[in-house]
């Protein structure tokens, strides 16, 4: 019953069908084509944490969390109720336990900051830790700061979700003056 109350605001929108999760059984699993998932922010009632669209998805929920896999993903990430970034990935997995949500994009992921125009991150894999507002990117990382024009490349990057605090691990940076 706790699962139903926690996920009650989530709405899966399928072509020609909308299924509110409060009508779903305690354990839910399956596969869908053309799916949209809106996740509420557990810290801010009435606000979104993210909106995810995917060409196809499969998943399983039970207990106090969920695990899902998606293909051709476009996500809109929110921070404190405001749209802060977009994430595009050929593949992604999402999981949650309690209030912790982690989304991992793979296959050359693009993250674009909407709070800092021109700021962009590209990497083979990007992990978004929603509950702590952090991103970790690995594999052929490229980052461009929209304000300064500075670029950074390296094998690994750590950042906040607004891409205001960015750290390249074992890489290099160049700045355009």
N, C-alpha and C. Protein backbone atom coordinates (compact mmCIF):
# COMPACT_ATOMS: atom_id res chain seq x y z
N UNK A 1 0.81 -1.20 0.00
CA UNK A 1 0.00 0.00 0.00
C UNK A 1 0.86 1.27 0.00
N UNK A 2 2.06 1.21 0.69
CA UNK A 2 2.94 2.37 0.69
C UNK A 2 3.37 2.74 -0.72
N UNK A 3 3.64 1.72 -1.57
CA UNK A 3 4.05 1.97 -2.95
C UNK A 3 2.96 2.73 -3.70
N UNK A 4 1.73 2.33 -3.53
CA UNK A 4 0.63 2.99 -4.23
C UNK A 4 0.53 4.45 -3.82
N UNK A 5 0.66 4.75 -2.53
CA UNK A 5 0.59 6.13 -2.08
C UNK A 5 1.76 6.95 -2.59
N UNK A 6 2.98 6.34 -2.61
CA UNK A 6 4.18 7.07 -3.05
C UNK A 6 4.10 7.41 -4.53
N UNK A 7 3.62 6.48 -5.35
CA UNK A 7 3.60 6.70 -6.79
C UNK A 7 2.25 7.15 -7.32
N UNK A 8 1.33 7.49 -6.46
CA UNK A 8 0.00 7.90 -6.90
C UNK A 8 0.04 9.06 -7.90
N UNK A 9 0.94 10.08 -7.72
CA UNK A 9 0.93 11.19 -8.67
C UNK A 9 1.53 10.87 -10.03
N UNK A 10 2.21 9.73 -10.16
CA UNK A 10 2.84 9.40 -11.44
C UNK A 10 1.78 8.93 -12.42
N UNK A 11 1.91 9.37 -13.65
CA UNK A 11 0.96 8.97 -14.68
C UNK A 11 1.75 8.45 -15.87
N UNK A 12 1.50 7.19 -16.26
CA UNK A 12 2.11 6.64 -17.45
C UNK A 12 1.18 6.97 -18.62
N UNK A 13 1.69 7.64 -19.63
CA UNK A 13 0.88 7.97 -20.79
C UNK A 13 1.30 7.09 -21.96
N UNK A 14 0.46 6.20 -22.34
CA UNK A 14 0.71 5.31 -23.46
C UNK A 14 -0.17 5.76 -24.62
N UNK A 15 0.21 5.43 -25.86
CA UNK A 15 -0.66 5.80 -26.97
C UNK A 15 -2.07 5.26 -26.74
N UNK A 16 -3.05 6.11 -26.81
CA UNK A 16 -4.46 5.78 -26.67
C UNK A 16 -4.85 5.27 -25.28
N UNK A 17 -3.94 5.37 -24.29
CA UNK A 17 -4.26 4.84 -22.96
C UNK A 17 -3.52 5.63 -21.89
N UNK A 18 -4.20 5.98 -20.83
CA UNK A 18 -3.57 6.58 -19.66
C UNK A 18 -3.92 5.72 -18.47
N UNK A 19 -2.90 5.36 -17.69
CA UNK A 19 -3.11 4.48 -16.54
C UNK A 19 -2.56 5.16 -15.29
N UNK A 20 -3.42 5.70 -14.42
CA UNK A 20 -2.89 6.24 -13.17
C UNK A 20 -2.44 5.09 -12.28
N UNK A 21 -1.26 5.23 -11.65
CA UNK A 21 -0.73 4.12 -10.88
C UNK A 21 -1.52 3.82 -9.62
N UNK A 22 -2.35 4.75 -9.14
CA UNK A 22 -3.12 4.42 -7.95
C UNK A 22 -4.13 3.31 -8.23
N UNK A 23 -4.37 3.02 -9.53
CA UNK A 23 -5.27 1.93 -9.90
C UNK A 23 -4.50 0.63 -10.15
N UNK A 24 -3.16 0.69 -10.05
CA UNK A 24 -2.34 -0.48 -10.35
C UNK A 24 -2.19 -1.38 -9.12
N UNK A 25 -1.88 -2.65 -9.35
CA UNK A 25 -1.63 -3.56 -8.23
C UNK A 25 -0.30 -3.19 -7.54
N UNK A 26 -0.02 -3.74 -6.33
CA UNK A 26 1.21 -3.41 -5.61
C UNK A 26 2.48 -3.73 -6.37
N UNK A 27 2.48 -4.70 -7.27
CA UNK A 27 3.63 -5.03 -8.09
C UNK A 27 3.22 -4.80 -9.54
N UNK A 28 4.05 -4.08 -10.28
CA UNK A 28 3.71 -3.72 -11.65
C UNK A 28 4.92 -3.97 -12.52
N UNK A 29 4.74 -4.58 -13.68
CA UNK A 29 5.83 -4.81 -14.61
C UNK A 29 5.30 -4.89 -16.01
N UNK A 30 6.20 -4.75 -16.99
CA UNK A 30 5.76 -4.88 -18.36
C UNK A 30 6.62 -4.10 -19.33
N UNK A 31 6.13 -3.98 -20.55
CA UNK A 31 6.84 -3.31 -21.64
C UNK A 31 5.85 -2.40 -22.34
N UNK A 32 6.32 -1.23 -22.78
CA UNK A 32 5.44 -0.29 -23.48
C UNK A 32 6.20 0.40 -24.60
N UNK A 33 5.47 0.83 -25.62
CA UNK A 33 6.01 1.61 -26.72
C UNK A 33 5.53 3.04 -26.56
N UNK A 34 6.38 4.02 -26.86
CA UNK A 34 6.00 5.42 -26.79
C UNK A 34 5.49 5.81 -25.41
N UNK A 35 6.37 5.87 -24.44
CA UNK A 35 5.96 6.09 -23.06
C UNK A 35 6.44 7.45 -22.54
N UNK A 36 5.63 8.05 -21.67
CA UNK A 36 5.99 9.28 -20.96
C UNK A 36 5.78 9.03 -19.47
N UNK A 37 6.79 9.38 -18.67
CA UNK A 37 6.71 9.21 -17.22
C UNK A 37 7.02 10.56 -16.57
N UNK A 38 6.14 11.01 -15.70
CA UNK A 38 6.35 12.23 -14.93
C UNK A 38 6.57 11.83 -13.48
N UNK A 39 7.77 12.11 -12.96
CA UNK A 39 8.08 11.77 -11.57
C UNK A 39 7.97 13.01 -10.70
N UNK A 40 7.18 12.95 -9.64
CA UNK A 40 7.07 14.10 -8.73
C UNK A 40 8.31 14.22 -7.85
N UNK A 41 8.60 15.42 -7.41
CA UNK A 41 9.73 15.67 -6.52
C UNK A 41 9.29 15.32 -5.10
N UNK A 42 9.92 14.32 -4.47
CA UNK A 42 9.49 13.93 -3.12
C UNK A 42 9.73 15.02 -2.09
N UNK A 43 10.64 15.97 -2.39
CA UNK A 43 10.94 17.06 -1.46
C UNK A 43 10.00 18.25 -1.63
N UNK A 44 9.38 18.36 -2.82
CA UNK A 44 8.52 19.50 -3.13
C UNK A 44 7.17 19.02 -3.65
N UNK A 45 6.21 18.79 -2.79
CA UNK A 45 4.89 18.31 -3.24
C UNK A 45 4.30 19.24 -4.31
N UNK A 46 3.76 18.63 -5.35
CA UNK A 46 3.16 19.39 -6.44
C UNK A 46 4.13 19.82 -7.52
N UNK A 47 5.42 19.56 -7.34
CA UNK A 47 6.45 19.92 -8.33
C UNK A 47 7.03 18.66 -8.94
N UNK A 48 7.58 18.81 -10.15
CA UNK A 48 8.18 17.67 -10.85
C UNK A 48 9.65 17.53 -10.53
N UNK A 49 10.13 16.28 -10.54
CA UNK A 49 11.54 15.96 -10.45
C UNK A 49 12.08 15.79 -11.87
N UNK A 50 11.33 15.07 -12.71
CA UNK A 50 11.70 14.92 -14.11
C UNK A 50 10.52 14.43 -14.94
N UNK A 51 10.62 14.68 -16.23
CA UNK A 51 9.69 14.16 -17.23
C UNK A 51 10.54 13.34 -18.18
N UNK A 52 10.15 12.11 -18.44
CA UNK A 52 10.93 11.24 -19.30
C UNK A 52 10.04 10.73 -20.43
N UNK A 53 10.53 10.87 -21.67
CA UNK A 53 9.87 10.28 -22.84
C UNK A 53 10.83 9.26 -23.44
N UNK A 54 10.28 8.14 -23.88
CA UNK A 54 11.11 7.10 -24.50
C UNK A 54 10.32 6.39 -25.58
N UNK A 55 11.05 5.90 -26.60
CA UNK A 55 10.39 5.14 -27.66
C UNK A 55 9.85 3.82 -27.12
N UNK A 56 10.59 3.20 -26.20
CA UNK A 56 10.11 1.97 -25.59
C UNK A 56 10.68 1.87 -24.18
N UNK A 57 9.99 1.13 -23.33
CA UNK A 57 10.42 0.98 -21.95
C UNK A 57 9.92 -0.34 -21.39
N UNK A 58 10.68 -0.87 -20.45
CA UNK A 58 10.23 -2.03 -19.69
C UNK A 58 10.62 -1.76 -18.25
N UNK A 59 9.84 -2.29 -17.35
CA UNK A 59 10.14 -2.02 -15.96
C UNK A 59 9.41 -2.91 -15.00
N UNK A 60 9.80 -2.78 -13.75
CA UNK A 60 9.21 -3.56 -12.68
C UNK A 60 9.19 -2.69 -11.42
N UNK A 61 8.07 -2.68 -10.73
CA UNK A 61 7.99 -1.99 -9.45
C UNK A 61 7.45 -2.94 -8.41
N UNK A 62 7.96 -2.79 -7.22
CA UNK A 62 7.48 -3.59 -6.10
C UNK A 62 8.12 -3.03 -4.84
N UNK A 63 7.53 -3.29 -3.69
CA UNK A 63 8.09 -2.78 -2.45
C UNK A 63 8.09 -1.27 -2.44
N UNK A 64 9.26 -0.67 -2.21
CA UNK A 64 9.31 0.79 -2.15
C UNK A 64 10.12 1.39 -3.29
N UNK A 65 10.16 0.74 -4.47
CA UNK A 65 10.94 1.30 -5.56
C UNK A 65 10.56 0.74 -6.92
N UNK A 66 11.38 1.10 -7.92
CA UNK A 66 11.16 0.61 -9.27
C UNK A 66 12.50 0.47 -9.97
N UNK A 67 12.50 -0.29 -11.07
CA UNK A 67 13.66 -0.45 -11.94
C UNK A 67 13.12 -0.49 -13.35
N UNK A 68 13.68 0.34 -14.23
CA UNK A 68 13.20 0.37 -15.60
C UNK A 68 14.32 0.57 -16.59
N UNK A 69 14.09 0.14 -17.83
CA UNK A 69 15.02 0.33 -18.93
C UNK A 69 14.26 1.00 -20.06
N UNK A 70 14.93 1.97 -20.74
CA UNK A 70 14.28 2.72 -21.80
C UNK A 70 15.21 2.86 -23.00
N UNK A 71 14.62 3.05 -24.17
CA UNK A 71 15.40 3.28 -25.40
C UNK A 71 14.98 4.62 -26.00
N UNK A 72 15.97 5.31 -26.59
CA UNK A 72 15.76 6.62 -27.21
C UNK A 72 15.04 7.55 -26.24
N UNK A 73 15.79 7.98 -25.25
CA UNK A 73 15.25 8.71 -24.11
C UNK A 73 15.49 10.21 -24.24
N UNK A 74 14.45 10.98 -23.91
CA UNK A 74 14.57 12.43 -23.76
C UNK A 74 13.99 12.76 -22.38
N UNK A 75 14.82 13.34 -21.52
CA UNK A 75 14.35 13.69 -20.17
C UNK A 75 14.50 15.18 -19.93
N UNK A 76 13.55 15.73 -19.20
CA UNK A 76 13.60 17.12 -18.75
C UNK A 76 13.78 17.06 -17.24
N UNK A 77 14.91 17.60 -16.75
CA UNK A 77 15.27 17.53 -15.34
C UNK A 77 14.90 18.83 -14.64
N UNK A 78 14.30 18.72 -13.48
CA UNK A 78 13.89 19.88 -12.70
C UNK A 78 14.71 19.98 -11.43
N UNK A 79 14.94 21.20 -10.99
CA UNK A 79 15.62 21.45 -9.73
C UNK A 79 14.82 22.51 -8.99
N UNK A 80 14.34 22.15 -7.79
CA UNK A 80 13.50 23.03 -6.98
C UNK A 80 12.27 23.50 -7.76
N UNK A 81 11.68 22.60 -8.55
CA UNK A 81 10.47 22.90 -9.29
C UNK A 81 10.68 23.65 -10.58
N UNK A 82 11.92 23.96 -10.92
CA UNK A 82 12.21 24.71 -12.17
C UNK A 82 12.98 23.82 -13.14
N UNK A 83 12.61 23.91 -14.40
CA UNK A 83 13.29 23.16 -15.44
C UNK A 83 14.74 23.62 -15.49
N UNK A 84 15.70 22.67 -15.35
CA UNK A 84 17.11 23.07 -15.29
C UNK A 84 17.96 22.48 -16.42
N UNK A 85 17.56 21.32 -16.97
CA UNK A 85 18.39 20.71 -18.00
C UNK A 85 17.59 19.67 -18.78
N UNK A 86 18.12 19.32 -19.95
CA UNK A 86 17.57 18.20 -20.71
C UNK A 86 18.66 17.14 -20.83
N UNK A 87 18.24 15.89 -20.95
CA UNK A 87 19.16 14.77 -21.11
C UNK A 87 18.63 13.92 -22.24
N UNK A 88 19.49 13.62 -23.21
CA UNK A 88 19.14 12.74 -24.33
C UNK A 88 20.11 11.58 -24.36
N UNK A 89 19.57 10.36 -24.48
CA UNK A 89 20.41 9.17 -24.48
C UNK A 89 19.77 8.07 -25.32
N UNK A 90 20.60 7.30 -26.06
CA UNK A 90 20.06 6.16 -26.79
C UNK A 90 19.44 5.11 -25.86
N UNK A 91 20.01 4.95 -24.66
CA UNK A 91 19.49 4.00 -23.68
C UNK A 91 19.58 4.60 -22.29
N UNK A 92 18.70 4.18 -21.41
CA UNK A 92 18.76 4.64 -20.02
C UNK A 92 18.13 3.61 -19.11
N UNK A 93 18.60 3.60 -17.88
CA UNK A 93 17.96 2.82 -16.83
C UNK A 93 17.60 3.79 -15.72
N UNK A 94 16.54 3.50 -15.04
CA UNK A 94 16.14 4.31 -13.91
C UNK A 94 15.79 3.39 -12.76
N UNK A 95 16.16 3.80 -11.55
CA UNK A 95 15.77 3.01 -10.40
C UNK A 95 15.57 3.93 -9.21
N UNK A 96 14.77 3.46 -8.29
CA UNK A 96 14.55 4.22 -7.07
C UNK A 96 14.38 3.25 -5.91
N UNK A 97 14.82 3.72 -4.79
CA UNK A 97 14.57 3.04 -3.52
C UNK A 97 14.21 4.15 -2.55
N UNK A 98 13.00 4.12 -2.02
CA UNK A 98 12.56 5.20 -1.15
C UNK A 98 12.51 6.50 -1.92
N UNK A 99 13.24 7.51 -1.43
CA UNK A 99 13.25 8.82 -2.09
C UNK A 99 14.46 9.02 -2.99
N UNK A 100 15.28 8.01 -3.15
CA UNK A 100 16.48 8.11 -3.96
C UNK A 100 16.18 7.66 -5.39
N UNK A 101 16.36 8.56 -6.37
CA UNK A 101 16.14 8.25 -7.79
C UNK A 101 17.47 8.40 -8.52
N UNK A 102 17.85 7.38 -9.29
CA UNK A 102 19.08 7.41 -10.07
C UNK A 102 18.72 7.05 -11.51
N UNK A 103 19.11 7.90 -12.46
CA UNK A 103 18.90 7.66 -13.89
C UNK A 103 20.27 7.59 -14.55
N UNK A 104 20.53 6.50 -15.29
CA UNK A 104 21.80 6.31 -15.97
C UNK A 104 21.56 6.27 -17.47
N UNK A 105 22.12 7.22 -18.20
CA UNK A 105 22.03 7.26 -19.65
C UNK A 105 23.30 6.71 -20.25
N UNK A 106 23.19 5.92 -21.32
CA UNK A 106 24.36 5.34 -21.98
C UNK A 106 24.25 5.47 -23.49
N UNK A 107 25.41 5.36 -24.17
CA UNK A 107 25.42 5.37 -25.62
C UNK A 107 25.64 6.75 -26.22
N UNK A 108 26.45 7.57 -25.66
CA UNK A 108 26.74 8.96 -26.05
C UNK A 108 25.58 9.86 -25.64
N UNK A 109 25.64 10.31 -24.43
CA UNK A 109 24.60 11.09 -23.77
C UNK A 109 24.88 12.57 -23.92
N UNK A 110 23.82 13.36 -24.11
CA UNK A 110 23.92 14.81 -24.18
C UNK A 110 23.09 15.42 -23.07
N UNK A 111 23.71 16.31 -22.29
CA UNK A 111 23.00 17.07 -21.27
C UNK A 111 23.17 18.55 -21.61
N UNK A 112 22.06 19.26 -21.69
CA UNK A 112 22.09 20.70 -21.99
C UNK A 112 21.47 21.45 -20.83
N UNK A 113 22.22 22.41 -20.30
CA UNK A 113 21.72 23.22 -19.20
C UNK A 113 20.76 24.27 -19.75
N UNK A 114 19.60 24.40 -19.11
CA UNK A 114 18.64 25.43 -19.49
C UNK A 114 18.77 26.64 -18.56
N UNK A 115 19.44 26.45 -17.42
CA UNK A 115 19.64 27.56 -16.49
C UNK A 115 20.89 28.36 -16.86
N UNK A 116 21.79 27.76 -17.66
CA UNK A 116 22.98 28.45 -18.17
C UNK A 116 23.07 28.20 -19.67
N UNK A 117 22.42 29.06 -20.49
CA UNK A 117 22.39 28.86 -21.94
C UNK A 117 23.79 28.66 -22.53
N UNK A 118 23.88 27.71 -23.46
CA UNK A 118 25.14 27.41 -24.13
C UNK A 118 25.99 26.39 -23.40
N UNK A 119 25.60 25.98 -22.20
CA UNK A 119 26.36 25.01 -21.43
C UNK A 119 25.90 23.61 -21.82
N UNK A 120 26.91 22.76 -22.15
CA UNK A 120 26.60 21.45 -22.71
C UNK A 120 27.59 20.41 -22.20
N UNK A 121 27.10 19.20 -22.00
CA UNK A 121 27.91 18.07 -21.56
C UNK A 121 27.64 16.89 -22.49
N UNK A 122 28.70 16.26 -22.98
CA UNK A 122 28.61 15.03 -23.79
C UNK A 122 29.47 13.97 -23.12
N UNK A 123 28.99 12.74 -23.05
CA UNK A 123 29.76 11.64 -22.46
C UNK A 123 29.16 10.31 -22.89
N UNK A 124 29.96 9.26 -22.77
CA UNK A 124 29.45 7.93 -23.09
C UNK A 124 28.37 7.50 -22.11
N UNK A 125 28.55 7.84 -20.83
CA UNK A 125 27.61 7.49 -19.77
C UNK A 125 27.43 8.68 -18.84
N UNK A 126 26.18 8.98 -18.49
CA UNK A 126 25.89 10.03 -17.50
C UNK A 126 24.94 9.44 -16.47
N UNK A 127 25.31 9.59 -15.20
CA UNK A 127 24.47 9.13 -14.09
C UNK A 127 23.95 10.37 -13.37
N UNK A 128 22.62 10.45 -13.22
CA UNK A 128 21.98 11.57 -12.53
C UNK A 128 21.48 11.07 -11.19
N UNK A 129 22.01 11.64 -10.10
CA UNK A 129 21.59 11.32 -8.75
C UNK A 129 20.61 12.41 -8.32
N UNK A 130 19.33 12.17 -8.52
CA UNK A 130 18.30 13.20 -8.33
C UNK A 130 18.22 13.72 -6.90
N UNK A 131 18.35 12.83 -5.92
CA UNK A 131 18.16 13.27 -4.54
C UNK A 131 19.26 14.19 -4.04
N UNK A 132 20.44 14.15 -4.67
CA UNK A 132 21.53 15.04 -4.25
C UNK A 132 21.91 16.04 -5.35
N UNK A 133 21.12 16.10 -6.44
CA UNK A 133 21.34 17.06 -7.53
C UNK A 133 22.74 16.99 -8.11
N UNK A 134 23.22 15.78 -8.38
CA UNK A 134 24.57 15.58 -8.92
C UNK A 134 24.53 14.77 -10.21
N UNK A 135 25.53 15.04 -11.09
CA UNK A 135 25.75 14.27 -12.31
C UNK A 135 27.16 13.71 -12.26
N UNK A 136 27.32 12.49 -12.77
CA UNK A 136 28.65 11.93 -12.97
C UNK A 136 28.71 11.44 -14.41
N UNK A 137 29.67 11.94 -15.17
CA UNK A 137 29.83 11.55 -16.57
C UNK A 137 31.14 10.79 -16.73
N UNK A 138 31.13 9.73 -17.54
CA UNK A 138 32.34 8.96 -17.80
C UNK A 138 32.43 8.63 -19.28
N UNK A 139 33.67 8.49 -19.75
CA UNK A 139 33.92 8.08 -21.13
C UNK A 139 33.83 9.21 -22.13
N UNK A 140 34.98 9.63 -22.66
CA UNK A 140 35.05 10.65 -23.71
C UNK A 140 34.22 11.89 -23.34
N UNK A 141 34.46 12.42 -22.16
CA UNK A 141 33.68 13.54 -21.64
C UNK A 141 34.11 14.84 -22.32
N UNK A 142 33.12 15.61 -22.75
CA UNK A 142 33.33 16.96 -23.27
C UNK A 142 32.35 17.87 -22.55
N UNK A 143 32.84 18.99 -22.02
CA UNK A 143 32.00 19.96 -21.33
C UNK A 143 32.33 21.35 -21.87
N UNK A 144 31.30 22.14 -22.16
CA UNK A 144 31.47 23.53 -22.59
C UNK A 144 30.64 24.42 -21.68
N UNK A 145 31.29 25.43 -21.11
CA UNK A 145 30.60 26.41 -20.28
C UNK A 145 30.05 27.50 -21.19
N UNK A 146 28.74 27.71 -21.17
CA UNK A 146 28.11 28.68 -22.06
C UNK A 146 28.46 30.12 -21.75
N UNK A 147 28.77 30.42 -20.51
CA UNK A 147 29.08 31.80 -20.11
C UNK A 147 30.50 32.21 -20.50
N UNK A 148 31.49 31.38 -20.16
CA UNK A 148 32.89 31.73 -20.41
C UNK A 148 33.43 31.19 -21.73
N UNK A 149 32.79 30.15 -22.26
CA UNK A 149 33.30 29.51 -23.46
C UNK A 149 34.37 28.47 -23.16
N UNK A 150 34.71 28.29 -21.88
CA UNK A 150 35.72 27.31 -21.50
C UNK A 150 35.24 25.91 -21.84
N UNK A 151 36.18 25.06 -22.26
CA UNK A 151 35.86 23.66 -22.52
C UNK A 151 36.75 22.77 -21.68
N UNK A 152 36.24 21.59 -21.35
CA UNK A 152 37.02 20.61 -20.60
C UNK A 152 36.77 19.24 -21.21
N UNK A 153 37.81 18.43 -21.26
CA UNK A 153 37.68 17.06 -21.72
C UNK A 153 38.39 16.15 -20.75
N UNK A 154 37.96 14.91 -20.70
CA UNK A 154 38.61 13.95 -19.80
C UNK A 154 37.81 12.68 -19.72
N UNK A 155 38.30 11.74 -18.92
CA UNK A 155 37.61 10.47 -18.79
C UNK A 155 36.42 10.51 -17.81
N UNK A 156 36.40 11.51 -16.91
CA UNK A 156 35.34 11.55 -15.89
C UNK A 156 35.07 12.98 -15.45
N UNK A 157 33.79 13.29 -15.24
CA UNK A 157 33.37 14.61 -14.80
C UNK A 157 32.36 14.47 -13.67
N UNK A 158 32.45 15.34 -12.69
CA UNK A 158 31.49 15.44 -11.60
C UNK A 158 30.89 16.83 -11.66
N UNK A 159 29.55 16.95 -11.53
CA UNK A 159 28.92 18.26 -11.63
C UNK A 159 27.61 18.28 -10.85
N UNK A 160 27.12 19.50 -10.57
CA UNK A 160 25.76 19.62 -10.03
C UNK A 160 24.80 19.68 -11.21
N UNK A 161 23.52 19.54 -10.96
CA UNK A 161 22.57 19.44 -12.07
C UNK A 161 22.36 20.75 -12.82
N UNK A 162 22.77 21.87 -12.27
CA UNK A 162 22.70 23.12 -13.02
C UNK A 162 23.98 23.37 -13.82
N UNK A 163 24.94 22.44 -13.71
CA UNK A 163 26.24 22.54 -14.37
C UNK A 163 26.96 23.83 -13.99
N UNK A 164 26.77 24.28 -12.75
CA UNK A 164 27.49 25.45 -12.26
C UNK A 164 28.78 25.04 -11.56
N UNK A 165 28.80 23.87 -10.95
CA UNK A 165 29.99 23.35 -10.29
C UNK A 165 30.42 22.12 -11.07
N UNK A 166 31.58 22.21 -11.75
CA UNK A 166 32.03 21.13 -12.62
C UNK A 166 33.49 20.80 -12.31
N UNK A 167 33.79 19.50 -12.24
CA UNK A 167 35.15 19.06 -11.98
C UNK A 167 35.48 17.92 -12.93
N UNK A 168 36.54 18.11 -13.74
CA UNK A 168 37.03 17.04 -14.60
C UNK A 168 38.10 16.28 -13.83
N UNK A 169 38.03 14.96 -13.84
CA UNK A 169 39.00 14.13 -13.15
C UNK A 169 39.97 13.58 -14.19
N UNK A 170 41.25 13.86 -14.05
CA UNK A 170 42.32 13.37 -14.95
C UNK A 170 42.11 13.80 -16.39
N UNK A 171 41.82 15.05 -16.61
CA UNK A 171 41.64 15.56 -17.96
C UNK A 171 42.32 16.90 -18.12
N UNK A 172 41.85 17.68 -19.10
CA UNK A 172 42.41 19.01 -19.29
C UNK A 172 41.31 19.99 -19.68
N UNK A 173 41.64 21.26 -19.53
CA UNK A 173 40.67 22.32 -19.83
C UNK A 173 41.31 23.37 -20.71
N UNK A 174 40.51 23.99 -21.57
CA UNK A 174 40.96 25.12 -22.36
C UNK A 174 39.92 26.24 -22.21
N UNK A 175 40.40 27.45 -22.28
CA UNK A 175 39.49 28.59 -22.17
C UNK A 175 39.64 29.50 -23.37
N UNK A 176 38.55 30.05 -23.82
CA UNK A 176 38.56 31.00 -24.93
C UNK A 176 38.49 32.38 -24.29
N UNK A 177 39.46 33.21 -24.55
CA UNK A 177 39.49 34.56 -23.96
C UNK A 177 39.00 35.61 -24.91
